[in-house]
Amino acid sequence: MLKKWRSSRWFKIVSNSYVLATIIFAFWMLFLDRNNVGLHVELDERIDELEEAKTYFETELEQNQRELEELESDPEKLEKFAREKYWMHRKGEEVFLIEIEEE
């Protein structure tokens, strides 16, 4: 049985020193090396997350730039924005806050 197994074609191929060295090298590089496959998969996922964040922030930047242009071009919108966002008011004005409680 052992003789038959040693004389098989696959055993001769695998027992070749070059093939054996290549298999060991591939195993080492894929699983045991500092830059193994698992690390590359994690880094690829991180790159995808960062690219998604980049596109999100680019669209936010474009939207904010459009809003800034609108505020710079229209003083009424600027006043409305300042009053609503930062609670600004003119001298002598009284501001009443009305809180609506939802049940």
N, C-alpha and C. Protein backbone atom coordinates (compact mmCIF):
# COMPACT_ATOMS: atom_id res chain seq x y z
N MET A 1 0.83 -1.20 0.00
CA MET A 1 0.00 0.00 0.00
C MET A 1 0.87 1.25 0.00
N LEU A 2 1.86 1.28 0.88
CA LEU A 2 2.75 2.43 0.96
C LEU A 2 3.56 2.58 -0.32
N LYS A 3 3.96 1.46 -0.89
CA LYS A 3 4.73 1.49 -2.12
C LYS A 3 3.86 2.04 -3.26
N LYS A 4 2.62 1.63 -3.29
CA LYS A 4 1.70 2.10 -4.31
C LYS A 4 1.47 3.60 -4.16
N TRP A 5 1.34 4.05 -2.92
CA TRP A 5 1.10 5.47 -2.66
C TRP A 5 2.32 6.31 -3.04
N ARG A 6 3.53 5.81 -2.74
CA ARG A 6 4.75 6.53 -3.10
C ARG A 6 4.98 6.56 -4.61
N SER A 7 4.48 5.60 -5.29
CA SER A 7 4.67 5.57 -6.74
C SER A 7 3.60 6.36 -7.49
N SER A 8 2.65 6.92 -6.75
CA SER A 8 1.60 7.68 -7.42
C SER A 8 2.15 9.00 -7.97
N ARG A 9 1.46 9.51 -8.92
CA ARG A 9 1.90 10.73 -9.61
C ARG A 9 1.88 11.93 -8.67
N TRP A 10 0.84 12.07 -7.85
CA TRP A 10 0.71 13.21 -6.94
C TRP A 10 1.81 13.23 -5.89
N PHE A 11 2.17 12.08 -5.39
CA PHE A 11 3.23 12.01 -4.38
C PHE A 11 4.56 12.47 -4.98
N LYS A 12 4.82 12.09 -6.22
CA LYS A 12 6.07 12.50 -6.87
C LYS A 12 6.08 14.02 -7.08
N ILE A 13 4.93 14.57 -7.43
CA ILE A 13 4.87 16.02 -7.66
C ILE A 13 5.04 16.77 -6.34
N VAL A 14 4.34 16.35 -5.31
CA VAL A 14 4.38 17.04 -4.02
C VAL A 14 5.73 16.84 -3.33
N SER A 15 6.36 15.71 -3.51
CA SER A 15 7.63 15.46 -2.85
C SER A 15 8.80 16.12 -3.57
N ASN A 16 8.57 16.72 -4.71
CA ASN A 16 9.61 17.47 -5.40
C ASN A 16 10.01 18.64 -4.51
N SER A 17 11.30 18.85 -4.34
CA SER A 17 11.78 19.87 -3.40
C SER A 17 11.34 21.28 -3.82
N TYR A 18 11.28 21.57 -5.10
CA TYR A 18 10.85 22.89 -5.55
C TYR A 18 9.37 23.13 -5.26
N VAL A 19 8.57 22.13 -5.50
CA VAL A 19 7.14 22.24 -5.22
C VAL A 19 6.91 22.35 -3.73
N LEU A 20 7.63 21.56 -2.96
CA LEU A 20 7.51 21.61 -1.51
C LEU A 20 7.92 22.98 -0.97
N ALA A 21 9.01 23.52 -1.49
CA ALA A 21 9.46 24.86 -1.06
C ALA A 21 8.44 25.92 -1.45
N THR A 22 7.84 25.78 -2.62
CA THR A 22 6.81 26.74 -3.06
C THR A 22 5.58 26.66 -2.18
N ILE A 23 5.17 25.46 -1.81
CA ILE A 23 4.01 25.29 -0.94
C ILE A 23 4.27 25.89 0.43
N ILE A 24 5.44 25.62 0.99
CA ILE A 24 5.79 26.18 2.30
C ILE A 24 5.86 27.69 2.23
N PHE A 25 6.47 28.22 1.17
CA PHE A 25 6.57 29.67 1.01
C PHE A 25 5.18 30.30 0.89
N ALA A 26 4.31 29.69 0.10
CA ALA A 26 2.95 30.22 -0.07
C ALA A 26 2.19 30.19 1.24
N PHE A 27 2.31 29.09 1.98
CA PHE A 27 1.64 29.00 3.28
C PHE A 27 2.17 30.07 4.23
N TRP A 28 3.47 30.24 4.24
CA TRP A 28 4.08 31.26 5.11
C TRP A 28 3.56 32.66 4.75
N MET A 29 3.56 32.99 3.47
CA MET A 29 3.15 34.33 3.04
C MET A 29 1.65 34.56 3.25
N LEU A 30 0.85 33.53 3.08
CA LEU A 30 -0.60 33.70 3.20
C LEU A 30 -1.07 33.76 4.65
N PHE A 31 -0.46 33.02 5.54
CA PHE A 31 -1.01 32.89 6.89
C PHE A 31 -0.08 33.33 8.02
N LEU A 32 1.20 33.17 7.88
CA LEU A 32 2.11 33.41 9.00
C LEU A 32 2.86 34.73 8.93
N ASP A 33 2.93 35.32 7.78
CA ASP A 33 3.69 36.56 7.61
C ASP A 33 3.00 37.73 8.28
N ARG A 34 3.75 38.77 8.55
CA ARG A 34 3.21 39.97 9.18
C ARG A 34 2.15 40.63 8.29
N ASN A 35 2.31 40.55 7.00
CA ASN A 35 1.36 41.13 6.04
C ASN A 35 0.54 40.01 5.38
N ASN A 36 -0.12 39.22 6.19
CA ASN A 36 -0.85 38.06 5.66
C ASN A 36 -2.17 38.47 5.01
N VAL A 37 -2.89 37.49 4.53
CA VAL A 37 -4.14 37.72 3.81
C VAL A 37 -5.18 38.38 4.71
N GLY A 38 -5.27 37.95 5.96
CA GLY A 38 -6.25 38.53 6.88
C GLY A 38 -6.04 40.02 7.06
N LEU A 39 -4.79 40.43 7.16
CA LEU A 39 -4.50 41.85 7.30
C LEU A 39 -4.92 42.62 6.05
N HIS A 40 -4.66 42.04 4.89
CA HIS A 40 -5.04 42.70 3.64
C HIS A 40 -6.56 42.83 3.52
N VAL A 41 -7.28 41.82 3.97
CA VAL A 41 -8.75 41.89 3.93
C VAL A 41 -9.24 43.00 4.86
N GLU A 42 -8.68 43.08 6.07
CA GLU A 42 -9.07 44.14 7.00
C GLU A 42 -8.76 45.51 6.43
N LEU A 43 -7.59 45.65 5.82
CA LEU A 43 -7.21 46.94 5.25
C LEU A 43 -8.10 47.32 4.07
N ASP A 44 -8.48 46.34 3.26
CA ASP A 44 -9.39 46.62 2.15
C ASP A 44 -10.75 47.09 2.67
N GLU A 45 -11.24 46.46 3.74
CA GLU A 45 -12.52 46.89 4.32
C GLU A 45 -12.40 48.31 4.87
N ARG A 46 -11.28 48.60 5.51
CA ARG A 46 -11.06 49.95 6.07
C ARG A 46 -10.99 50.98 4.95
N ILE A 47 -10.34 50.63 3.85
CA ILE A 47 -10.27 51.54 2.70
C ILE A 47 -11.66 51.81 2.16
N ASP A 48 -12.50 50.78 2.06
CA ASP A 48 -13.87 50.97 1.58
C ASP A 48 -14.65 51.90 2.50
N GLU A 49 -14.49 51.71 3.82
CA GLU A 49 -15.18 52.59 4.78
C GLU A 49 -14.72 54.03 4.62
N LEU A 50 -13.42 54.22 4.46
CA LEU A 50 -12.89 55.58 4.33
C LEU A 50 -13.32 56.23 3.02
N GLU A 51 -13.43 55.45 1.95
CA GLU A 51 -13.90 56.01 0.68
C GLU A 51 -15.36 56.43 0.78
N GLU A 52 -16.18 55.63 1.49
CA GLU A 52 -17.58 56.01 1.70
C GLU A 52 -17.67 57.29 2.53
N ALA A 53 -16.84 57.38 3.55
CA ALA A 53 -16.83 58.59 4.38
C ALA A 53 -16.38 59.79 3.55
N LYS A 54 -15.42 59.58 2.67
CA LYS A 54 -14.94 60.66 1.82
C LYS A 54 -16.05 61.18 0.91
N THR A 55 -16.80 60.28 0.28
CA THR A 55 -17.88 60.72 -0.60
C THR A 55 -18.96 61.44 0.20
N TYR A 56 -19.25 60.94 1.42
CA TYR A 56 -20.24 61.60 2.27
C TYR A 56 -19.81 63.03 2.59
N PHE A 57 -18.57 63.19 3.00
CA PHE A 57 -18.10 64.52 3.37
C PHE A 57 -17.96 65.44 2.16
N GLU A 58 -17.67 64.88 1.00
CA GLU A 58 -17.63 65.70 -0.21
C GLU A 58 -19.01 66.25 -0.54
N THR A 59 -20.05 65.40 -0.42
CA THR A 59 -21.40 65.89 -0.69
C THR A 59 -21.83 66.91 0.37
N GLU A 60 -21.46 66.66 1.64
CA GLU A 60 -21.77 67.63 2.70
C GLU A 60 -21.07 68.96 2.42
N LEU A 61 -19.84 68.90 1.96
CA LEU A 61 -19.09 70.12 1.66
C LEU A 61 -19.76 70.90 0.53
N GLU A 62 -20.18 70.20 -0.51
CA GLU A 62 -20.87 70.87 -1.62
C GLU A 62 -22.16 71.52 -1.14
N GLN A 63 -22.92 70.81 -0.31
CA GLN A 63 -24.18 71.35 0.21
C GLN A 63 -23.91 72.57 1.08
N ASN A 64 -22.91 72.50 1.92
CA ASN A 64 -22.58 73.65 2.78
C ASN A 64 -22.09 74.84 1.97
N GLN A 65 -21.35 74.58 0.90
CA GLN A 65 -20.89 75.68 0.05
C GLN A 65 -22.07 76.36 -0.65
N ARG A 66 -23.03 75.56 -1.11
CA ARG A 66 -24.22 76.16 -1.72
C ARG A 66 -25.00 76.98 -0.71
N GLU A 67 -25.14 76.46 0.50
CA GLU A 67 -25.85 77.18 1.55
C GLU A 67 -25.11 78.48 1.91
N LEU A 68 -23.80 78.42 1.94
CA LEU A 68 -23.01 79.62 2.23
C LEU A 68 -23.19 80.67 1.14
N GLU A 69 -23.19 80.24 -0.11
CA GLU A 69 -23.41 81.18 -1.22
C GLU A 69 -24.78 81.84 -1.11
N GLU A 70 -25.80 81.04 -0.75
CA GLU A 70 -27.15 81.60 -0.58
C GLU A 70 -27.17 82.61 0.56
N LEU A 71 -26.51 82.30 1.65
CA LEU A 71 -26.50 83.21 2.80
C LEU A 71 -25.74 84.49 2.48
N GLU A 72 -24.67 84.39 1.72
CA GLU A 72 -23.90 85.58 1.37
C GLU A 72 -24.64 86.45 0.37
N SER A 73 -25.47 85.86 -0.47
CA SER A 73 -26.14 86.63 -1.50
C SER A 73 -27.47 87.23 -1.04
N ASP A 74 -28.11 86.67 -0.03
CA ASP A 74 -29.42 87.14 0.41
C ASP A 74 -29.39 87.49 1.90
N PRO A 75 -29.44 88.79 2.23
CA PRO A 75 -29.38 89.20 3.65
C PRO A 75 -30.56 88.69 4.48
N GLU A 76 -31.72 88.53 3.87
CA GLU A 76 -32.88 88.03 4.61
C GLU A 76 -32.66 86.58 5.06
N LYS A 77 -32.10 85.77 4.18
CA LYS A 77 -31.80 84.39 4.55
C LYS A 77 -30.73 84.33 5.63
N LEU A 78 -29.76 85.24 5.54
CA LEU A 78 -28.71 85.29 6.55
C LEU A 78 -29.30 85.64 7.92
N GLU A 79 -30.20 86.61 7.95
CA GLU A 79 -30.83 86.99 9.21
C GLU A 79 -31.67 85.83 9.76
N LYS A 80 -32.43 85.19 8.90
CA LYS A 80 -33.25 84.06 9.33
C LYS A 80 -32.38 82.93 9.89
N PHE A 81 -31.29 82.66 9.21
CA PHE A 81 -30.36 81.61 9.65
C PHE A 81 -29.78 81.96 11.02
N ALA A 82 -29.35 83.21 11.20
CA ALA A 82 -28.75 83.63 12.48
C ALA A 82 -29.77 83.57 13.60
N ARG A 83 -31.00 83.95 13.33
CA ARG A 83 -32.03 83.93 14.37
C ARG A 83 -32.40 82.50 14.76
N GLU A 84 -32.56 81.63 13.77
CA GLU A 84 -32.99 80.27 14.05
C GLU A 84 -31.87 79.41 14.63
N LYS A 85 -30.69 79.56 14.12
CA LYS A 85 -29.60 78.67 14.50
C LYS A 85 -28.87 79.14 15.76
N TYR A 86 -28.65 80.44 15.87
CA TYR A 86 -27.83 80.96 16.96
C TYR A 86 -28.59 81.87 17.92
N TRP A 87 -29.91 81.94 17.81
CA TRP A 87 -30.78 82.70 18.70
C TRP A 87 -30.38 84.18 18.76
N MET A 88 -29.92 84.72 17.68
CA MET A 88 -29.54 86.13 17.65
C MET A 88 -30.78 87.01 17.53
N HIS A 89 -30.65 88.24 18.06
CA HIS A 89 -31.76 89.18 17.95
C HIS A 89 -31.18 90.59 17.95
N ARG A 90 -32.00 91.52 17.53
CA ARG A 90 -31.57 92.91 17.49
C ARG A 90 -31.70 93.53 18.88
N LYS A 91 -31.02 94.65 19.06
CA LYS A 91 -31.11 95.35 20.34
C LYS A 91 -32.53 95.83 20.56
N GLY A 92 -33.01 95.64 21.76
CA GLY A 92 -34.35 96.08 22.10
C GLY A 92 -35.43 95.06 21.77
N GLU A 93 -35.10 94.00 21.08
CA GLU A 93 -36.09 92.98 20.74
C GLU A 93 -36.21 91.99 21.88
N GLU A 94 -37.39 91.48 22.04
CA GLU A 94 -37.60 90.41 23.00
C GLU A 94 -37.89 89.13 22.23
N VAL A 95 -37.26 88.07 22.66
CA VAL A 95 -37.44 86.78 21.99
C VAL A 95 -38.17 85.86 22.95
N PHE A 96 -39.25 85.29 22.46
CA PHE A 96 -40.04 84.36 23.26
C PHE A 96 -39.86 82.96 22.68
N LEU A 97 -39.48 82.04 23.54
CA LEU A 97 -39.34 80.65 23.12
C LEU A 97 -40.60 79.90 23.53
N ILE A 98 -41.19 79.25 22.58
CA ILE A 98 -42.40 78.48 22.83
C ILE A 98 -42.04 77.01 22.69
N GLU A 99 -42.16 76.30 23.79
CA GLU A 99 -41.85 74.87 23.77
C GLU A 99 -43.15 74.09 23.71
N ILE A 100 -43.21 73.19 22.78
CA ILE A 100 -44.40 72.36 22.62
C ILE A 100 -44.07 70.97 23.15
N GLU A 101 -44.82 70.54 24.13
CA GLU A 101 -44.60 69.22 24.71
C GLU A 101 -45.45 68.21 23.96
N GLU A 102 -44.80 67.18 23.50
CA GLU A 102 -45.52 66.12 22.79
C GLU A 102 -45.77 64.98 23.76
N GLU A 103 -46.95 64.41 23.66
CA GLU A 103 -47.32 63.31 24.56
C GLU A 103 -47.12 61.99 23.91
